[in-house]
Amino acid sequence: RDLEYLRRSQEAAGYCVETLGWRVVECCRGGNMRSVEEIHEDI
């Protein structure tokens, strides 16, 4: 329920992805979620 906290978490997540070597799976396309199967195939 804390939107400012969620915004800061999004920023921190970007930093962690960049510095810790996490693999990114893009889940959105055109402002909507991709299908479960499409995301699963990337995973």
PDB file of all heavy atoms in Angstrom:
ATOM      1  N   ARG A   1       0.802  -1.223   0.000  1.00  0.00           N
ATOM      2  CA  ARG A   1       0.000   0.000   0.000  1.00  0.00           C
ATOM      3  C   ARG A   1       0.841   1.282   0.000  1.00  0.00           C
ATOM      4  O   ARG A   1       0.306   2.370  -0.106  1.00  0.00           O
ATOM      5  CB  ARG A   1      -0.959   0.012   1.193  1.00  0.00           C
ATOM      6  CG  ARG A   1      -0.329   0.180   2.550  1.00  0.00           C
ATOM      7  CD  ARG A   1      -1.391   0.340   3.634  1.00  0.00           C
ATOM      8  NE  ARG A   1      -2.081  -0.911   3.864  1.00  0.00           N
ATOM      9  CZ  ARG A   1      -1.921  -1.644   4.968  1.00  0.00           C
ATOM     10  NH1 ARG A   1      -1.108  -1.237   5.925  1.00  0.00           N
ATOM     11  NH2 ARG A   1      -2.574  -2.765   5.123  1.00  0.00           N
ATOM     12  N   ASP A   2       2.161   1.129   0.107  1.00  0.00           N
ATOM     13  CA  ASP A   2       3.042   2.299   0.156  1.00  0.00           C
ATOM     14  C   ASP A   2       3.679   2.504  -1.216  1.00  0.00           C
ATOM     15  O   ASP A   2       4.685   1.887  -1.556  1.00  0.00           O
ATOM     16  CB  ASP A   2       4.123   2.082   1.226  1.00  0.00           C
ATOM     17  CG  ASP A   2       4.911   3.341   1.535  1.00  0.00           C
ATOM     18  OD1 ASP A   2       5.160   4.123   0.601  1.00  0.00           O
ATOM     19  OD2 ASP A   2       5.288   3.524   2.712  1.00  0.00           O
ATOM     20  N   LEU A   3       3.092   3.407  -2.026  1.00  0.00           N
ATOM     21  CA  LEU A   3       3.534   3.585  -3.404  1.00  0.00           C
ATOM     22  C   LEU A   3       4.952   4.147  -3.495  1.00  0.00           C
ATOM     23  O   LEU A   3       5.722   3.780  -4.393  1.00  0.00           O
ATOM     24  CB  LEU A   3       2.552   4.487  -4.154  1.00  0.00           C
ATOM     25  CG  LEU A   3       1.132   3.935  -4.308  1.00  0.00           C
ATOM     26  CD1 LEU A   3       0.274   4.903  -5.104  1.00  0.00           C
ATOM     27  CD2 LEU A   3       1.145   2.564  -4.983  1.00  0.00           C
ATOM     28  N   GLU A   4       5.319   5.036  -2.581  1.00  0.00           N
ATOM     29  CA  GLU A   4       6.667   5.585  -2.595  1.00  0.00           C
ATOM     30  C   GLU A   4       7.687   4.497  -2.285  1.00  0.00           C
ATOM     31  O   GLU A   4       8.760   4.427  -2.903  1.00  0.00           O
ATOM     32  CB  GLU A   4       6.786   6.727  -1.593  1.00  0.00           C
ATOM     33  CG  GLU A   4       8.195   7.281  -1.406  1.00  0.00           C
ATOM     34  CD  GLU A   4       8.842   7.794  -2.679  1.00  0.00           C
ATOM     35  OE1 GLU A   4       8.118   8.128  -3.638  1.00  0.00           O
ATOM     36  OE2 GLU A   4      10.089   7.848  -2.725  1.00  0.00           O
ATOM     37  N   TYR A   5       7.361   3.635  -1.340  1.00  0.00           N
ATOM     38  CA  TYR A   5       8.236   2.514  -1.014  1.00  0.00           C
ATOM     39  C   TYR A   5       8.396   1.588  -2.221  1.00  0.00           C
ATOM     40  O   TYR A   5       9.501   1.125  -2.531  1.00  0.00           O
ATOM     41  CB  TYR A   5       7.675   1.748   0.175  1.00  0.00           C
ATOM     42  CG  TYR A   5       8.376   0.458   0.462  1.00  0.00           C
ATOM     43  CD1 TYR A   5       9.597   0.428   1.125  1.00  0.00           C
ATOM     44  CD2 TYR A   5       7.820  -0.761   0.064  1.00  0.00           C
ATOM     45  CE1 TYR A   5      10.250  -0.767   1.370  1.00  0.00           C
ATOM     46  CE2 TYR A   5       8.464  -1.957   0.312  1.00  0.00           C
ATOM     47  CZ  TYR A   5       9.676  -1.951   0.968  1.00  0.00           C
ATOM     48  OH  TYR A   5      10.314  -3.139   1.206  1.00  0.00           O
ATOM     49  N   LEU A   6       7.298   1.319  -2.928  1.00  0.00           N
ATOM     50  CA  LEU A   6       7.362   0.460  -4.104  1.00  0.00           C
ATOM     51  C   LEU A   6       8.207   1.098  -5.210  1.00  0.00           C
ATOM     52  O   LEU A   6       8.935   0.403  -5.922  1.00  0.00           O
ATOM     53  CB  LEU A   6       5.946   0.168  -4.618  1.00  0.00           C
ATOM     54  CG  LEU A   6       5.072  -0.701  -3.704  1.00  0.00           C
ATOM     55  CD1 LEU A   6       3.662  -0.806  -4.272  1.00  0.00           C
ATOM     56  CD2 LEU A   6       5.668  -2.089  -3.518  1.00  0.00           C
ATOM     57  N   ARG A   7       8.114   2.418  -5.341  1.00  0.00           N
ATOM     58  CA  ARG A   7       8.929   3.106  -6.334  1.00  0.00           C
ATOM     59  C   ARG A   7      10.415   2.956  -6.001  1.00  0.00           C
ATOM     60  O   ARG A   7      11.240   2.672  -6.879  1.00  0.00           O
ATOM     61  CB  ARG A   7       8.550   4.590  -6.389  1.00  0.00           C
ATOM     62  CG  ARG A   7       9.281   5.364  -7.491  1.00  0.00           C
ATOM     63  CD  ARG A   7       9.234   6.847  -7.259  1.00  0.00           C
ATOM     64  NE  ARG A   7       9.935   7.239  -6.043  1.00  0.00           N
ATOM     65  CZ  ARG A   7      11.257   7.293  -5.926  1.00  0.00           C
ATOM     66  NH1 ARG A   7      12.037   6.945  -6.946  1.00  0.00           N
ATOM     67  NH2 ARG A   7      11.827   7.671  -4.799  1.00  0.00           N
ATOM     68  N   ARG A   8      10.760   3.133  -4.723  1.00  0.00           N
ATOM     69  CA  ARG A   8      12.148   2.983  -4.312  1.00  0.00           C
ATOM     70  C   ARG A   8      12.621   1.535  -4.506  1.00  0.00           C
ATOM     71  O   ARG A   8      13.770   1.285  -4.866  1.00  0.00           O
ATOM     72  CB  ARG A   8      12.325   3.413  -2.853  1.00  0.00           C
ATOM     73  CG  ARG A   8      11.977   4.867  -2.592  1.00  0.00           C
ATOM     74  CD  ARG A   8      12.511   5.382  -1.258  1.00  0.00           C
ATOM     75  NE  ARG A   8      12.355   4.477  -0.150  1.00  0.00           N
ATOM     76  CZ  ARG A   8      11.396   4.558   0.781  1.00  0.00           C
ATOM     77  NH1 ARG A   8      10.481   5.531   0.702  1.00  0.00           N
ATOM     78  NH2 ARG A   8      11.349   3.707   1.769  1.00  0.00           N
ATOM     79  N   SER A   9      11.722   0.573  -4.259  1.00  0.00           N
ATOM     80  CA  SER A   9      12.074  -0.834  -4.440  1.00  0.00           C
ATOM     81  C   SER A   9      12.355  -1.139  -5.909  1.00  0.00           C
ATOM     82  O   SER A   9      13.251  -1.929  -6.233  1.00  0.00           O
ATOM     83  CB  SER A   9      10.950  -1.736  -3.918  1.00  0.00           C
ATOM     84  OG  SER A   9      10.802  -1.606  -2.524  1.00  0.00           O
ATOM     85  N   GLN A  10      11.585  -0.518  -6.793  1.00  0.00           N
ATOM     86  CA  GLN A  10      11.820  -0.695  -8.234  1.00  0.00           C
ATOM     87  C   GLN A  10      13.214  -0.200  -8.601  1.00  0.00           C
ATOM     88  O   GLN A  10      13.948  -0.847  -9.355  1.00  0.00           O
ATOM     89  CB  GLN A  10      10.753   0.075  -9.019  1.00  0.00           C
ATOM     90  CG  GLN A  10      10.866  -0.056 -10.528  1.00  0.00           C
ATOM     91  CD  GLN A  10      10.130  -1.265 -11.068  1.00  0.00           C
ATOM     92  OE1 GLN A  10       9.258  -1.817 -10.408  1.00  0.00           O
ATOM     93  NE2 GLN A  10      10.476  -1.687 -12.259  1.00  0.00           N
ATOM     94  N   GLU A  11      13.595   0.936  -8.057  1.00  0.00           N
ATOM     95  CA  GLU A  11      14.921   1.487  -8.327  1.00  0.00           C
ATOM     96  C   GLU A  11      16.015   0.585  -7.763  1.00  0.00           C
ATOM     97  O   GLU A  11      17.031   0.326  -8.421  1.00  0.00           O
ATOM     98  CB  GLU A  11      15.028   2.885  -7.716  1.00  0.00           C
ATOM     99  CG  GLU A  11      16.313   3.603  -8.035  1.00  0.00           C
ATOM    100  CD  GLU A  11      16.365   5.005  -7.454  1.00  0.00           C
ATOM    101  OE1 GLU A  11      15.439   5.399  -6.718  1.00  0.00           O
ATOM    102  OE2 GLU A  11      17.360   5.704  -7.726  1.00  0.00           O
ATOM    103  N   ALA A  12      15.800   0.088  -6.551  1.00  0.00           N
ATOM    104  CA  ALA A  12      16.785  -0.811  -5.939  1.00  0.00           C
ATOM    105  C   ALA A  12      16.904  -2.111  -6.722  1.00  0.00           C
ATOM    106  O   ALA A  12      18.006  -2.665  -6.876  1.00  0.00           O
ATOM    107  CB  ALA A  12      16.388  -1.102  -4.488  1.00  0.00           C
ATOM    108  N   ALA A  13      15.774  -2.603  -7.231  1.00  0.00           N
ATOM    109  CA  ALA A  13      15.802  -3.831  -8.032  1.00  0.00           C
ATOM    110  C   ALA A  13      16.659  -3.642  -9.278  1.00  0.00           C
ATOM    111  O   ALA A  13      17.443  -4.526  -9.649  1.00  0.00           O
ATOM    112  CB  ALA A  13      14.383  -4.238  -8.418  1.00  0.00           C
ATOM    113  N   GLY A  14      16.532  -2.490  -9.923  1.00  0.00           N
ATOM    114  CA  GLY A  14      17.348  -2.210 -11.103  1.00  0.00           C
ATOM    115  C   GLY A  14      18.826  -2.222 -10.780  1.00  0.00           C
ATOM    116  O   GLY A  14      19.643  -2.742 -11.552  1.00  0.00           O
ATOM    117  N   TYR A  15      19.172  -1.688  -9.626  1.00  0.00           N
ATOM    118  CA  TYR A  15      20.575  -1.677  -9.201  1.00  0.00           C
ATOM    119  C   TYR A  15      21.064  -3.104  -8.940  1.00  0.00           C
ATOM    120  O   TYR A  15      22.176  -3.481  -9.356  1.00  0.00           O
ATOM    121  CB  TYR A  15      20.728  -0.836  -7.939  1.00  0.00           C
ATOM    122  CG  TYR A  15      22.145  -0.741  -7.442  1.00  0.00           C
ATOM    123  CD1 TYR A  15      23.045   0.158  -8.013  1.00  0.00           C
ATOM    124  CD2 TYR A  15      22.601  -1.564  -6.411  1.00  0.00           C
ATOM    125  CE1 TYR A  15      24.364   0.241  -7.567  1.00  0.00           C
ATOM    126  CE2 TYR A  15      23.908  -1.494  -5.957  1.00  0.00           C
ATOM    127  CZ  TYR A  15      24.780  -0.587  -6.540  1.00  0.00           C
ATOM    128  OH  TYR A  15      26.087  -0.514  -6.098  1.00  0.00           O
ATOM    129  N   CYS A  16      20.241  -3.903  -8.266  1.00  0.00           N
ATOM    130  CA  CYS A  16      20.636  -5.284  -7.961  1.00  0.00           C
ATOM    131  C   CYS A  16      20.818  -6.098  -9.235  1.00  0.00           C
ATOM    132  O   CYS A  16      21.772  -6.877  -9.358  1.00  0.00           O
ATOM    133  CB  CYS A  16      19.588  -5.937  -7.060  1.00  0.00           C
ATOM    134  SG  CYS A  16      19.563  -5.315  -5.370  1.00  0.00           S
ATOM    135  N   VAL A  17      19.904  -5.942 -10.180  1.00  0.00           N
ATOM    136  CA  VAL A  17      20.015  -6.652 -11.456  1.00  0.00           C
ATOM    137  C   VAL A  17      21.341  -6.313 -12.133  1.00  0.00           C
ATOM    138  O   VAL A  17      22.048  -7.193 -12.648  1.00  0.00           O
ATOM    139  CB  VAL A  17      18.824  -6.283 -12.372  1.00  0.00           C
ATOM    140  CG1 VAL A  17      19.111  -6.688 -13.816  1.00  0.00           C
ATOM    141  CG2 VAL A  17      17.546  -6.948 -11.878  1.00  0.00           C
ATOM    142  N   GLU A  18      21.675  -5.038 -12.124  1.00  0.00           N
ATOM    143  CA  GLU A  18      22.863  -4.559 -12.823  1.00  0.00           C
ATOM    144  C   GLU A  18      24.155  -5.005 -12.157  1.00  0.00           C
ATOM    145  O   GLU A  18      25.132  -5.343 -12.827  1.00  0.00           O
ATOM    146  CB  GLU A  18      22.812  -3.033 -12.894  1.00  0.00           C
ATOM    147  CG  GLU A  18      23.908  -2.400 -13.720  1.00  0.00           C
ATOM    148  CD  GLU A  18      23.748  -0.893 -13.821  1.00  0.00           C
ATOM    149  OE1 GLU A  18      22.643  -0.438 -14.160  1.00  0.00           O
ATOM    150  OE2 GLU A  18      24.716  -0.184 -13.522  1.00  0.00           O
ATOM    151  N   THR A  19      24.169  -5.031 -10.823  1.00  0.00           N
ATOM    152  CA  THR A  19      25.430  -5.283 -10.110  1.00  0.00           C
ATOM    153  C   THR A  19      25.608  -6.722  -9.653  1.00  0.00           C
ATOM    154  O   THR A  19      26.739  -7.139  -9.376  1.00  0.00           O
ATOM    155  CB  THR A  19      25.545  -4.365  -8.887  1.00  0.00           C
ATOM    156  OG1 THR A  19      24.448  -4.601  -7.993  1.00  0.00           O
ATOM    157  CG2 THR A  19      25.533  -2.897  -9.306  1.00  0.00           C
ATOM    158  N   LEU A  20      24.523  -7.483  -9.556  1.00  0.00           N
ATOM    159  CA  LEU A  20      24.619  -8.824  -8.991  1.00  0.00           C
ATOM    160  C   LEU A  20      24.515  -9.938 -10.026  1.00  0.00           C
ATOM    161  O   LEU A  20      24.566 -11.123  -9.672  1.00  0.00           O
ATOM    162  CB  LEU A  20      23.537  -9.014  -7.915  1.00  0.00           C
ATOM    163  CG  LEU A  20      23.620  -8.050  -6.727  1.00  0.00           C
ATOM    164  CD1 LEU A  20      22.433  -8.254  -5.781  1.00  0.00           C
ATOM    165  CD2 LEU A  20      24.933  -8.231  -5.962  1.00  0.00           C
ATOM    166  N   GLY A  21      24.324  -9.577 -11.283  1.00  0.00           N
ATOM    167  CA  GLY A  21      24.330 -10.595 -12.331  1.00  0.00           C
ATOM    168  C   GLY A  21      23.054 -11.390 -12.462  1.00  0.00           C
ATOM    169  O   GLY A  21      23.073 -12.526 -12.960  1.00  0.00           O
ATOM    170  N   TRP A  22      21.917 -10.824 -12.043  1.00  0.00           N
ATOM    171  CA  TRP A  22      20.647 -11.520 -12.209  1.00  0.00           C
ATOM    172  C   TRP A  22      20.253 -11.519 -13.679  1.00  0.00           C
ATOM    173  O   TRP A  22      20.544 -10.580 -14.425  1.00  0.00           O
ATOM    174  CB  TRP A  22      19.548 -10.854 -11.383  1.00  0.00           C
ATOM    175  CG  TRP A  22      19.795 -10.843  -9.906  1.00  0.00           C
ATOM    176  CD1 TRP A  22      20.787 -11.466  -9.227  1.00  0.00           C
ATOM    177  CD2 TRP A  22      19.026 -10.138  -8.928  1.00  0.00           C
ATOM    178  NE1 TRP A  22      20.694 -11.212  -7.888  1.00  0.00           N
ATOM    179  CE2 TRP A  22      19.619 -10.396  -7.668  1.00  0.00           C
ATOM    180  CE3 TRP A  22      17.899  -9.322  -8.980  1.00  0.00           C
ATOM    181  CZ2 TRP A  22      19.118  -9.865  -6.477  1.00  0.00           C
ATOM    182  CZ3 TRP A  22      17.395  -8.787  -7.798  1.00  0.00           C
ATOM    183  CH2 TRP A  22      18.001  -9.065  -6.562  1.00  0.00           C
ATOM    184  N   ARG A  23      19.545 -12.557 -14.105  1.00  0.00           N
ATOM    185  CA  ARG A  23      19.029 -12.626 -15.469  1.00  0.00           C
ATOM    186  C   ARG A  23      17.634 -11.999 -15.506  1.00  0.00           C
ATOM    187  O   ARG A  23      16.760 -12.354 -14.706  1.00  0.00           O
ATOM    188  CB  ARG A  23      18.950 -14.088 -15.934  1.00  0.00           C
ATOM    189  CG  ARG A  23      20.297 -14.806 -15.960  1.00  0.00           C
ATOM    190  CD  ARG A  23      21.178 -14.300 -17.070  1.00  0.00           C
ATOM    191  NE  ARG A  23      20.599 -14.572 -18.382  1.00  0.00           N
ATOM    192  CZ  ARG A  23      20.750 -15.716 -19.039  1.00  0.00           C
ATOM    193  NH1 ARG A  23      21.469 -16.708 -18.514  1.00  0.00           N
ATOM    194  NH2 ARG A  23      20.215 -15.881 -20.236  1.00  0.00           N
ATOM    195  N   VAL A  24      17.412 -11.099 -16.439  1.00  0.00           N
ATOM    196  CA  VAL A  24      16.144 -10.387 -16.530  1.00  0.00           C
ATOM    197  C   VAL A  24      15.220 -11.077 -17.532  1.00  0.00           C
ATOM    198  O   VAL A  24      15.629 -11.402 -18.650  1.00  0.00           O
ATOM    199  CB  VAL A  24      16.353  -8.918 -16.957  1.00  0.00           C
ATOM    200  CG1 VAL A  24      15.009  -8.204 -17.107  1.00  0.00           C
ATOM    201  CG2 VAL A  24      17.218  -8.193 -15.935  1.00  0.00           C
ATOM    202  N   VAL A  25      13.980 -11.295 -17.097  1.00  0.00           N
ATOM    203  CA  VAL A  25      12.938 -11.815 -17.979  1.00  0.00           C
ATOM    204  C   VAL A  25      11.881 -10.716 -18.110  1.00  0.00           C
ATOM    205  O   VAL A  25      11.235 -10.349 -17.125  1.00  0.00           O
ATOM    206  CB  VAL A  25      12.305 -13.108 -17.414  1.00  0.00           C
ATOM    207  CG1 VAL A  25      11.169 -13.583 -18.315  1.00  0.00           C
ATOM    208  CG2 VAL A  25      13.358 -14.194 -17.254  1.00  0.00           C
ATOM    209  N   GLU A  26      11.723 -10.185 -19.311  1.00  0.00           N
ATOM    210  CA  GLU A  26      10.744  -9.125 -19.540  1.00  0.00           C
ATOM    211  C   GLU A  26       9.339  -9.724 -19.603  1.00  0.00           C
ATOM    212  O   GLU A  26       9.080 -10.628 -20.399  1.00  0.00           O
ATOM    213  CB  GLU A  26      11.054  -8.378 -20.838  1.00  0.00           C
ATOM    214  CG  GLU A  26      12.328  -7.548 -20.786  1.00  0.00           C
ATOM    215  CD  GLU A  26      12.214  -6.348 -19.851  1.00  0.00           C
ATOM    216  OE1 GLU A  26      11.090  -6.009 -19.442  1.00  0.00           O
ATOM    217  OE2 GLU A  26      13.267  -5.765 -19.537  1.00  0.00           O
ATOM    218  N   CYS A  27       8.455  -9.190 -18.765  1.00  0.00           N
ATOM    219  CA  CYS A  27       7.114  -9.772 -18.647  1.00  0.00           C
ATOM    220  C   CYS A  27       6.025  -8.935 -19.310  1.00  0.00           C
ATOM    221  O   CYS A  27       4.863  -9.355 -19.339  1.00  0.00           O
ATOM    222  CB  CYS A  27       6.764  -9.972 -17.172  1.00  0.00           C
ATOM    223  SG  CYS A  27       7.859 -11.132 -16.323  1.00  0.00           S
ATOM    224  N   CYS A  28       6.382  -7.760 -19.816  1.00  0.00           N
ATOM    225  CA  CYS A  28       5.383  -6.865 -20.407  1.00  0.00           C
ATOM    226  C   CYS A  28       5.688  -6.596 -21.872  1.00  0.00           C
ATOM    227  O   CYS A  28       6.831  -6.651 -22.305  1.00  0.00           O
ATOM    228  CB  CYS A  28       5.338  -5.532 -19.658  1.00  0.00           C
ATOM    229  SG  CYS A  28       4.746  -5.661 -17.967  1.00  0.00           S
ATOM    230  N   ARG A  29       4.621  -6.295 -22.595  1.00  0.00           N
ATOM    231  CA  ARG A  29       4.749  -5.847 -23.980  1.00  0.00           C
ATOM    232  C   ARG A  29       3.587  -4.896 -24.260  1.00  0.00           C
ATOM    233  O   ARG A  29       2.417  -5.253 -24.060  1.00  0.00           O
ATOM    234  CB  ARG A  29       4.707  -7.018 -24.959  1.00  0.00           C
ATOM    235  CG  ARG A  29       4.871  -6.598 -26.419  1.00  0.00           C
ATOM    236  CD  ARG A  29       4.669  -7.731 -27.384  1.00  0.00           C
ATOM    237  NE  ARG A  29       5.634  -8.793 -27.211  1.00  0.00           N
ATOM    238  CZ  ARG A  29       5.327 -10.045 -26.960  1.00  0.00           C
ATOM    239  NH1 ARG A  29       4.048 -10.380 -26.801  1.00  0.00           N
ATOM    240  NH2 ARG A  29       6.254 -10.966 -26.830  1.00  0.00           N
ATOM    241  N   GLY A  30       3.921  -3.680 -24.680  1.00  0.00           N
ATOM    242  CA  GLY A  30       2.881  -2.723 -25.025  1.00  0.00           C
ATOM    243  C   GLY A  30       1.970  -2.356 -23.870  1.00  0.00           C
ATOM    244  O   GLY A  30       0.769  -2.126 -24.076  1.00  0.00           O
ATOM    245  N   GLY A  31       2.528  -2.310 -22.663  1.00  0.00           N
ATOM    246  CA  GLY A  31       1.733  -1.917 -21.505  1.00  0.00           C
ATOM    247  C   GLY A  31       0.869  -3.014 -20.915  1.00  0.00           C
ATOM    248  O   GLY A  31       0.044  -2.750 -20.031  1.00  0.00           O
ATOM    249  N   ASN A  32       1.052  -4.246 -21.372  1.00  0.00           N
ATOM    250  CA  ASN A  32       0.299  -5.380 -20.846  1.00  0.00           C
ATOM    251  C   ASN A  32       1.226  -6.545 -20.567  1.00  0.00           C
ATOM    252  O   ASN A  32       2.329  -6.634 -21.131  1.00  0.00           O
ATOM    253  CB  ASN A  32      -0.782  -5.814 -21.847  1.00  0.00           C
ATOM    254  CG  ASN A  32      -1.862  -4.779 -22.014  1.00  0.00           C
ATOM    255  OD1 ASN A  32      -2.607  -4.471 -21.094  1.00  0.00           O
ATOM    256  ND2 ASN A  32      -1.944  -4.210 -23.225  1.00  0.00           N
ATOM    257  N   MET A  33       0.763  -7.456 -19.713  1.00  0.00           N
ATOM    258  CA  MET A  33       1.548  -8.652 -19.421  1.00  0.00           C
ATOM    259  C   MET A  33       1.577  -9.569 -20.638  1.00  0.00           C
ATOM    260  O   MET A  33       0.578  -9.736 -21.340  1.00  0.00           O
ATOM    261  CB  MET A  33       0.951  -9.413 -18.230  1.00  0.00           C
ATOM    262  CG  MET A  33       1.144  -8.751 -16.889  1.00  0.00           C
ATOM    263  SD  MET A  33       2.870  -8.784 -16.308  1.00  0.00           S
ATOM    264  CE  MET A  33       3.040 -10.506 -15.799  1.00  0.00           C
ATOM    265  N   ARG A  34       2.731 -10.144 -20.907  1.00  0.00           N
ATOM    266  CA  ARG A  34       2.828 -11.212 -21.886  1.00  0.00           C
ATOM    267  C   ARG A  34       2.135 -12.451 -21.330  1.00  0.00           C
ATOM    268  O   ARG A  34       1.835 -12.532 -20.141  1.00  0.00           O
ATOM    269  CB  ARG A  34       4.290 -11.514 -22.190  1.00  0.00           C
ATOM    270  CG  ARG A  34       5.050 -10.343 -22.786  1.00  0.00           C
ATOM    271  CD  ARG A  34       6.544 -10.614 -22.786  1.00  0.00           C
ATOM    272  NE  ARG A  34       6.886 -11.701 -23.694  1.00  0.00           N
ATOM    273  CZ  ARG A  34       7.956 -12.480 -23.550  1.00  0.00           C
ATOM    274  NH1 ARG A  34       8.769 -12.327 -22.512  1.00  0.00           N
ATOM    275  NH2 ARG A  34       8.212 -13.432 -24.422  1.00  0.00           N
ATOM    276  N   SER A  35       1.900 -13.430 -22.178  1.00  0.00           N
ATOM    277  CA  SER A  35       1.219 -14.637 -21.718  1.00  0.00           C
ATOM    278  C   SER A  35       2.123 -15.439 -20.784  1.00  0.00           C
ATOM    279  O   SER A  35       3.357 -15.323 -20.831  1.00  0.00           O
ATOM    280  CB  SER A  35       0.808 -15.512 -22.905  1.00  0.00           C
ATOM    281  OG  SER A  35       1.953 -16.130 -23.484  1.00  0.00           O
ATOM    282  N   VAL A  36       1.495 -16.252 -19.940  1.00  0.00           N
ATOM    283  CA  VAL A  36       2.238 -17.107 -19.022  1.00  0.00           C
ATOM    284  C   VAL A  36       3.201 -18.004 -19.797  1.00  0.00           C
ATOM    285  O   VAL A  36       4.360 -18.196 -19.399  1.00  0.00           O
ATOM    286  CB  VAL A  36       1.270 -17.956 -18.169  1.00  0.00           C
ATOM    287  CG1 VAL A  36       2.023 -19.034 -17.384  1.00  0.00           C
ATOM    288  CG2 VAL A  36       0.481 -17.070 -17.210  1.00  0.00           C
ATOM    289  N   GLU A  37       2.750 -18.541 -20.920  1.00  0.00           N
ATOM    290  CA  GLU A  37       3.589 -19.462 -21.688  1.00  0.00           C
ATOM    291  C   GLU A  37       4.779 -18.759 -22.332  1.00  0.00           C
ATOM    292  O   GLU A  37       5.877 -19.308 -22.387  1.00  0.00           O
ATOM    293  CB  GLU A  37       2.754 -20.185 -22.748  1.00  0.00           C
ATOM    294  CG  GLU A  37       1.982 -21.363 -22.200  1.00  0.00           C
ATOM    295  CD  GLU A  37       2.874 -22.356 -21.464  1.00  0.00           C
ATOM    296  OE1 GLU A  37       3.906 -22.774 -22.015  1.00  0.00           O
ATOM    297  OE2 GLU A  37       2.541 -22.720 -20.319  1.00  0.00           O
ATOM    298  N   GLU A  38       4.568 -17.535 -22.816  1.00  0.00           N
ATOM    299  CA  GLU A  38       5.678 -16.793 -23.408  1.00  0.00           C
ATOM    300  C   GLU A  38       6.771 -16.522 -22.373  1.00  0.00           C
ATOM    301  O   GLU A  38       7.968 -16.678 -22.640  1.00  0.00           O
ATOM    302  CB  GLU A  38       5.182 -15.469 -23.982  1.00  0.00           C
ATOM    303  CG  GLU A  38       4.404 -15.583 -25.276  1.00  0.00           C
ATOM    304  CD  GLU A  38       3.905 -14.231 -25.760  1.00  0.00           C
ATOM    305  OE1 GLU A  38       3.473 -13.414 -24.926  1.00  0.00           O
ATOM    306  OE2 GLU A  38       3.948 -14.000 -26.971  1.00  0.00           O
ATOM    307  N   ILE A  39       6.341 -16.094 -21.191  1.00  0.00           N
ATOM    308  CA  ILE A  39       7.306 -15.816 -20.124  1.00  0.00           C
ATOM    309  C   ILE A  39       8.013 -17.111 -19.705  1.00  0.00           C
ATOM    310  O   ILE A  39       9.228 -17.134 -19.499  1.00  0.00           O
ATOM    311  CB  ILE A  39       6.599 -15.153 -18.924  1.00  0.00           C
ATOM    312  CG1 ILE A  39       6.025 -13.791 -19.350  1.00  0.00           C
ATOM    313  CG2 ILE A  39       7.567 -14.987 -17.749  1.00  0.00           C
ATOM    314  CD1 ILE A  39       5.093 -13.179 -18.318  1.00  0.00           C
ATOM    315  N   HIS A  40       7.239 -18.191 -19.611  1.00  0.00           N
ATOM    316  CA  HIS A  40       7.822 -19.480 -19.234  1.00  0.00           C
ATOM    317  C   HIS A  40       8.873 -19.923 -20.238  1.00  0.00           C
ATOM    318  O   HIS A  40       9.929 -20.456 -19.854  1.00  0.00           O
ATOM    319  CB  HIS A  40       6.725 -20.537 -19.117  1.00  0.00           C
ATOM    320  CG  HIS A  40       7.240 -21.921 -18.895  1.00  0.00           C
ATOM    321  ND1 HIS A  40       7.904 -22.297 -17.753  1.00  0.00           N
ATOM    322  CD2 HIS A  40       7.231 -23.024 -19.698  1.00  0.00           C
ATOM    323  CE1 HIS A  40       8.264 -23.569 -17.841  1.00  0.00           C
ATOM    324  NE2 HIS A  40       7.865 -24.033 -19.007  1.00  0.00           N
ATOM    325  N   GLU A  41       8.628 -19.712 -21.531  1.00  0.00           N
ATOM    326  CA  GLU A  41       9.599 -20.101 -22.548  1.00  0.00           C
ATOM    327  C   GLU A  41      10.909 -19.341 -22.370  1.00  0.00           C
ATOM    328  O   GLU A  41      11.999 -19.910 -22.514  1.00  0.00           O
ATOM    329  CB  GLU A  41       9.018 -19.847 -23.941  1.00  0.00           C
ATOM    330  CG  GLU A  41       7.930 -20.829 -24.329  1.00  0.00           C
ATOM    331  CD  GLU A  41       7.286 -20.483 -25.663  1.00  0.00           C
ATOM    332  OE1 GLU A  41       7.783 -19.547 -26.331  1.00  0.00           O
ATOM    333  OE2 GLU A  41       6.306 -21.154 -26.027  1.00  0.00           O
ATOM    334  N   ASP A  42      10.808 -18.055 -22.028  1.00  0.00           N
ATOM    335  CA  ASP A  42      12.028 -17.271 -21.784  1.00  0.00           C
ATOM    336  C   ASP A  42      12.761 -17.776 -20.539  1.00  0.00           C
ATOM    337  O   ASP A  42      13.996 -17.816 -20.504  1.00  0.00           O
ATOM    338  CB  ASP A  42      11.681 -15.797 -21.615  1.00  0.00           C
ATOM    339  CG  ASP A  42      11.358 -15.116 -22.937  1.00  0.00           C
ATOM    340  OD1 ASP A  42      11.478 -15.772 -23.989  1.00  0.00           O
ATOM    341  OD2 ASP A  42      10.963 -13.934 -22.916  1.00  0.00           O
ATOM    342  N   ILE A  43      11.995 -18.150 -19.525  1.00  0.00           N
ATOM    343  CA  ILE A  43      12.604 -18.684 -18.301  1.00  0.00           C
ATOM    344  C   ILE A  43      13.323 -19.996 -18.606  1.00  0.00           C
ATOM    345  O   ILE A  43      14.456 -20.211 -18.170  1.00  0.00           O
ATOM    346  CB  ILE A  43      11.536 -18.880 -17.204  1.00  0.00           C
ATOM    347  CG1 ILE A  43      11.116 -17.517 -16.655  1.00  0.00           C
ATOM    348  CG2 ILE A  43      12.048 -19.786 -16.081  1.00  0.00           C
ATOM    349  CD1 ILE A  43       9.978 -17.577 -15.662  1.00  0.00           C
TER     350      ILE A  43
END
